[in-house]
N, C-alpha and C. Protein backbone atom coordinates (compact mmCIF):
# COMPACT_ATOMS: atom_id res chain seq x y z
N MET A 1 87.37 110.32 90.26
CA MET A 1 87.70 109.27 89.31
C MET A 1 86.68 108.13 89.33
N LYS A 2 86.04 107.88 90.46
CA LYS A 2 85.05 106.81 90.51
C LYS A 2 83.97 107.11 89.47
N ASN A 3 83.62 106.10 88.71
CA ASN A 3 82.59 106.17 87.67
C ASN A 3 82.99 106.96 86.43
N ASP A 4 84.26 107.40 86.33
CA ASP A 4 84.71 108.08 85.13
C ASP A 4 84.69 107.10 83.95
N ARG A 5 84.07 107.49 82.87
CA ARG A 5 84.01 106.63 81.68
C ARG A 5 85.35 106.55 80.98
N TRP A 6 86.11 107.61 81.02
CA TRP A 6 87.40 107.67 80.33
C TRP A 6 88.48 107.96 81.36
N VAL A 7 89.44 107.06 81.46
CA VAL A 7 90.59 107.26 82.35
C VAL A 7 91.85 107.16 81.49
N PHE A 8 92.51 108.30 81.32
CA PHE A 8 93.72 108.35 80.49
C PHE A 8 94.94 108.14 81.35
N TYR A 9 95.78 107.21 80.94
CA TYR A 9 96.95 106.83 81.72
C TYR A 9 97.80 108.04 82.10
N LYS A 10 97.96 108.97 81.18
CA LYS A 10 98.80 110.15 81.42
C LYS A 10 98.25 111.01 82.57
N ASP A 11 96.97 110.86 82.89
CA ASP A 11 96.35 111.65 83.94
C ASP A 11 96.30 110.94 85.31
N VAL A 12 96.71 109.69 85.34
CA VAL A 12 96.63 108.91 86.58
C VAL A 12 97.89 109.15 87.41
N GLU A 13 97.69 109.60 88.65
CA GLU A 13 98.80 109.86 89.56
C GLU A 13 99.37 108.54 90.07
N PRO A 14 100.68 108.32 89.86
CA PRO A 14 101.29 107.12 90.43
C PRO A 14 101.41 107.25 91.94
N GLN A 15 101.15 106.16 92.64
CA GLN A 15 101.24 106.13 94.11
C GLN A 15 102.44 105.26 94.46
N ASP A 16 103.50 105.88 94.99
CA ASP A 16 104.71 105.16 95.37
C ASP A 16 104.43 104.41 96.67
N GLN A 17 104.50 103.09 96.60
CA GLN A 17 104.24 102.27 97.79
C GLN A 17 105.48 102.12 98.68
N LYS A 18 106.58 102.75 98.31
CA LYS A 18 107.82 102.82 99.11
C LYS A 18 108.53 101.48 99.28
N ASN A 19 108.19 100.50 98.45
CA ASN A 19 108.81 99.18 98.57
C ASN A 19 109.19 98.62 97.21
N GLY A 20 109.44 99.53 96.25
CA GLY A 20 109.75 99.08 94.90
C GLY A 20 108.53 98.83 94.06
N VAL A 21 107.38 99.33 94.53
CA VAL A 21 106.12 99.14 93.81
C VAL A 21 105.46 100.50 93.59
N ILE A 22 105.01 100.72 92.37
CA ILE A 22 104.24 101.92 92.03
C ILE A 22 102.83 101.46 91.63
N ARG A 23 101.82 102.02 92.30
CA ARG A 23 100.42 101.67 92.03
C ARG A 23 99.75 102.79 91.24
N ARG A 24 98.93 102.40 90.27
CA ARG A 24 98.10 103.34 89.54
C ARG A 24 96.66 102.80 89.54
N VAL A 25 95.76 103.53 90.17
CA VAL A 25 94.35 103.14 90.18
C VAL A 25 93.75 103.66 88.87
N LEU A 26 93.20 102.74 88.10
CA LEU A 26 92.66 103.06 86.79
C LEU A 26 91.13 103.15 86.89
N ALA A 27 90.39 102.73 85.90
CA ALA A 27 88.93 102.86 85.91
C ALA A 27 88.31 101.98 87.01
N TYR A 28 87.24 102.53 87.64
CA TYR A 28 86.51 101.76 88.63
C TYR A 28 85.14 102.38 88.92
N ASP A 29 84.29 101.52 89.45
CA ASP A 29 83.02 101.96 90.02
C ASP A 29 82.82 101.19 91.32
N GLY A 30 81.63 101.15 91.85
CA GLY A 30 81.41 100.46 93.12
C GLY A 30 81.52 98.95 93.06
N ASP A 31 81.47 98.40 91.84
CA ASP A 31 81.48 96.95 91.68
C ASP A 31 82.80 96.36 91.22
N VAL A 32 83.61 97.14 90.50
CA VAL A 32 84.84 96.60 89.92
C VAL A 32 85.90 97.68 89.84
N MET A 33 87.18 97.29 89.93
CA MET A 33 88.29 98.24 89.89
C MET A 33 89.47 97.61 89.16
N THR A 34 90.15 98.43 88.34
CA THR A 34 91.40 98.01 87.73
C THR A 34 92.55 98.82 88.31
N VAL A 35 93.66 98.11 88.59
CA VAL A 35 94.83 98.73 89.21
C VAL A 35 96.08 98.16 88.55
N GLU A 36 96.98 99.06 88.12
CA GLU A 36 98.28 98.63 87.59
C GLU A 36 99.33 98.77 88.67
N ASN A 37 100.13 97.73 88.84
CA ASN A 37 101.26 97.76 89.78
C ASN A 37 102.54 97.50 89.01
N THR A 38 103.50 98.42 89.14
CA THR A 38 104.81 98.27 88.51
C THR A 38 105.80 97.88 89.60
N PHE A 39 106.49 96.75 89.40
CA PHE A 39 107.42 96.22 90.39
C PHE A 39 108.87 96.33 89.91
N GLU A 40 109.75 96.73 90.81
CA GLU A 40 111.19 96.63 90.56
C GLU A 40 111.61 95.19 90.90
N LYS A 41 112.69 94.73 90.30
CA LYS A 41 113.21 93.41 90.65
C LYS A 41 113.49 93.36 92.15
N GLY A 42 113.04 92.29 92.78
CA GLY A 42 113.25 92.09 94.21
C GLY A 42 112.15 92.66 95.09
N ALA A 43 111.27 93.46 94.52
CA ALA A 43 110.16 94.01 95.31
C ALA A 43 109.22 92.89 95.77
N ILE A 44 108.65 93.10 96.94
CA ILE A 44 107.80 92.07 97.55
C ILE A 44 106.39 92.62 97.76
N GLY A 45 105.43 91.84 97.35
CA GLY A 45 104.04 92.08 97.71
C GLY A 45 103.78 91.15 98.89
N ALA A 46 103.83 91.71 100.10
CA ALA A 46 103.74 90.91 101.32
C ALA A 46 102.48 90.05 101.35
N LEU A 47 102.56 88.90 102.00
CA LEU A 47 101.41 88.02 102.16
C LEU A 47 100.29 88.79 102.87
N HIS A 48 99.08 88.71 102.32
CA HIS A 48 97.94 89.40 102.90
C HIS A 48 96.65 88.77 102.36
N SER A 49 95.54 89.21 102.89
CA SER A 49 94.23 88.82 102.36
C SER A 49 93.32 90.03 102.49
N HIS A 50 92.20 89.98 101.78
CA HIS A 50 91.22 91.05 101.82
C HIS A 50 89.87 90.49 101.37
N PRO A 51 88.80 91.21 101.70
CA PRO A 51 87.45 90.72 101.34
C PRO A 51 87.03 91.10 99.93
N HIS A 52 87.88 90.81 98.96
CA HIS A 52 87.61 91.11 97.57
C HIS A 52 88.04 89.90 96.74
N THR A 53 87.39 89.66 95.64
CA THR A 53 87.92 88.74 94.66
C THR A 53 88.85 89.55 93.77
N GLN A 54 90.02 88.95 93.46
CA GLN A 54 91.04 89.66 92.68
C GLN A 54 91.56 88.73 91.59
N ILE A 55 91.59 89.26 90.37
CA ILE A 55 92.24 88.57 89.26
C ILE A 55 93.46 89.40 88.89
N THR A 56 94.61 88.75 88.77
CA THR A 56 95.84 89.41 88.37
C THR A 56 96.26 88.91 87.00
N TYR A 57 96.52 89.85 86.09
CA TYR A 57 97.05 89.54 84.77
C TYR A 57 98.49 90.03 84.73
N ILE A 58 99.41 89.16 84.34
CA ILE A 58 100.83 89.52 84.27
C ILE A 58 101.06 90.21 82.92
N ILE A 59 101.33 91.51 82.96
CA ILE A 59 101.60 92.26 81.73
C ILE A 59 103.02 91.98 81.26
N SER A 60 103.97 92.04 82.21
CA SER A 60 105.38 91.82 81.89
C SER A 60 106.12 91.40 83.14
N GLY A 61 107.35 90.93 82.96
CA GLY A 61 108.17 90.52 84.10
C GLY A 61 107.99 89.07 84.47
N LYS A 62 108.57 88.74 85.63
CA LYS A 62 108.51 87.38 86.15
C LYS A 62 108.35 87.48 87.66
N PHE A 63 107.37 86.73 88.20
CA PHE A 63 107.01 86.82 89.61
C PHE A 63 106.84 85.42 90.20
N GLU A 64 107.22 85.29 91.46
CA GLU A 64 106.86 84.08 92.20
C GLU A 64 105.69 84.46 93.10
N PHE A 65 104.53 83.89 92.82
CA PHE A 65 103.34 84.15 93.61
C PHE A 65 103.08 83.01 94.57
N GLU A 66 102.55 83.36 95.71
CA GLU A 66 102.03 82.37 96.65
C GLU A 66 100.55 82.67 96.83
N ILE A 67 99.73 81.65 96.61
CA ILE A 67 98.29 81.77 96.81
C ILE A 67 97.85 80.57 97.63
N ASP A 68 97.31 80.84 98.80
CA ASP A 68 96.79 79.79 99.68
C ASP A 68 97.83 78.71 99.95
N GLY A 69 99.11 79.14 100.15
CA GLY A 69 100.17 78.22 100.49
C GLY A 69 100.88 77.56 99.32
N VAL A 70 100.42 77.80 98.10
CA VAL A 70 101.03 77.20 96.91
C VAL A 70 101.82 78.28 96.18
N LYS A 71 103.09 77.97 95.83
CA LYS A 71 103.96 78.90 95.11
C LYS A 71 104.15 78.46 93.68
N LYS A 72 104.07 79.44 92.76
CA LYS A 72 104.32 79.18 91.33
C LYS A 72 104.95 80.42 90.72
N VAL A 73 105.78 80.20 89.70
CA VAL A 73 106.39 81.29 88.95
C VAL A 73 105.50 81.61 87.74
N VAL A 74 105.22 82.89 87.55
CA VAL A 74 104.34 83.32 86.45
C VAL A 74 105.03 84.40 85.62
N THR A 75 104.63 84.48 84.35
CA THR A 75 105.20 85.47 83.42
C THR A 75 104.08 86.06 82.56
N ALA A 76 104.47 86.93 81.64
CA ALA A 76 103.52 87.68 80.80
C ALA A 76 102.45 86.77 80.21
N GLY A 77 101.20 87.22 80.34
CA GLY A 77 100.06 86.50 79.79
C GLY A 77 99.37 85.59 80.78
N ASP A 78 100.02 85.26 81.90
CA ASP A 78 99.41 84.39 82.91
C ASP A 78 98.39 85.18 83.72
N THR A 79 97.38 84.49 84.23
CA THR A 79 96.39 85.10 85.12
C THR A 79 96.24 84.29 86.40
N LEU A 80 95.89 84.98 87.46
CA LEU A 80 95.74 84.35 88.78
C LEU A 80 94.43 84.77 89.40
N LEU A 81 93.77 83.86 90.10
CA LEU A 81 92.52 84.14 90.79
C LEU A 81 92.75 84.04 92.30
N LYS A 82 92.41 85.12 92.99
CA LYS A 82 92.50 85.14 94.45
C LYS A 82 91.12 85.53 94.99
N THR A 83 90.48 84.57 95.63
CA THR A 83 89.12 84.81 96.12
C THR A 83 89.13 85.45 97.50
N ASP A 84 87.99 85.94 97.90
CA ASP A 84 87.76 86.60 99.19
C ASP A 84 88.44 85.85 100.34
N GLY A 85 89.37 86.52 101.03
CA GLY A 85 89.99 85.98 102.22
C GLY A 85 91.19 85.08 102.01
N VAL A 86 91.54 84.74 100.77
CA VAL A 86 92.67 83.87 100.51
C VAL A 86 93.98 84.63 100.71
N ILE A 87 94.91 84.04 101.43
CA ILE A 87 96.22 84.67 101.66
C ILE A 87 97.07 84.54 100.41
N HIS A 88 97.66 85.68 100.00
CA HIS A 88 98.46 85.69 98.78
C HIS A 88 99.53 86.78 98.85
N GLY A 89 100.56 86.65 98.03
CA GLY A 89 101.62 87.64 97.94
C GLY A 89 102.57 87.22 96.84
N CYS A 90 103.60 88.07 96.60
CA CYS A 90 104.54 87.76 95.52
C CYS A 90 105.91 88.36 95.76
N VAL A 91 106.87 87.82 95.01
CA VAL A 91 108.22 88.36 94.92
C VAL A 91 108.48 88.59 93.44
N CYS A 92 109.00 89.77 93.09
CA CYS A 92 109.29 90.08 91.70
C CYS A 92 110.68 89.57 91.36
N LEU A 93 110.74 88.61 90.42
CA LEU A 93 112.01 88.02 90.01
C LEU A 93 112.67 88.77 88.87
N GLU A 94 111.85 89.38 88.00
CA GLU A 94 112.31 90.24 86.91
C GLU A 94 111.31 91.40 86.83
N ALA A 95 111.83 92.64 86.80
CA ALA A 95 110.96 93.83 86.83
C ALA A 95 109.79 93.67 85.88
N GLY A 96 108.61 94.12 86.31
CA GLY A 96 107.45 93.96 85.47
C GLY A 96 106.23 94.68 85.97
N LYS A 97 105.12 94.43 85.30
CA LYS A 97 103.84 95.07 85.61
C LYS A 97 102.74 94.03 85.74
N LEU A 98 101.82 94.31 86.68
CA LEU A 98 100.66 93.49 86.90
C LEU A 98 99.42 94.36 86.72
N LEU A 99 98.36 93.78 86.19
CA LEU A 99 97.06 94.45 86.16
C LEU A 99 96.13 93.66 87.06
N ASP A 100 95.64 94.33 88.10
CA ASP A 100 94.72 93.70 89.06
C ASP A 100 93.31 94.19 88.81
N ILE A 101 92.37 93.25 88.89
CA ILE A 101 90.94 93.56 88.78
C ILE A 101 90.32 93.08 90.08
N PHE A 102 89.65 94.00 90.77
CA PHE A 102 89.03 93.70 92.06
C PHE A 102 87.52 93.85 91.97
N THR A 103 86.81 92.98 92.70
CA THR A 103 85.39 93.17 92.91
C THR A 103 85.06 92.78 94.34
N PRO A 104 84.36 93.62 95.10
CA PRO A 104 84.07 95.01 94.74
C PRO A 104 85.35 95.84 94.74
N TYR A 105 85.22 97.12 94.46
CA TYR A 105 86.40 97.98 94.38
C TYR A 105 87.07 98.13 95.75
N ARG A 106 88.35 98.46 95.73
CA ARG A 106 89.15 98.63 96.95
C ARG A 106 89.02 100.06 97.47
N GLU A 107 88.13 100.27 98.41
CA GLU A 107 87.92 101.60 99.00
C GLU A 107 89.21 102.13 99.61
N ASP A 108 90.06 101.23 100.13
CA ASP A 108 91.30 101.65 100.79
C ASP A 108 92.33 102.18 99.80
N PHE A 109 92.11 102.03 98.49
CA PHE A 109 93.05 102.51 97.49
C PHE A 109 92.73 103.93 97.00
N VAL A 110 91.55 104.46 97.38
CA VAL A 110 91.12 105.75 96.85
C VAL A 110 90.55 106.64 97.95
N GLU A 111 90.47 107.92 97.62
CA GLU A 111 89.83 108.89 98.50
C GLU A 111 88.64 109.45 97.78
N ASP A 112 87.49 108.79 97.92
CA ASP A 112 86.26 109.25 97.23
C ASP A 112 85.46 110.16 98.13
């Protein structure tokens, strides 16, 4: 899938994260990656950090995000910036979907 020009949603294997979250790794190369995360109400994205810059676009739902100790509620259309090493996480208040864009790509999300 790395470097594939065309990634069709119907062909992407969902990865059950076992915590009310389903991950789908979409198009990516060595510099950038897109990932869709579908959250059930109450699902938690535990506080964590990583050596990637991440932008999150809220496709649907309602989430309480914490970024670098600050908590805010976000909904469809909002975007969030999480830079290299910043601690962040979320709680899903209303079921929804997030689109994450990472640079560089998350090697730990794929088996290349």
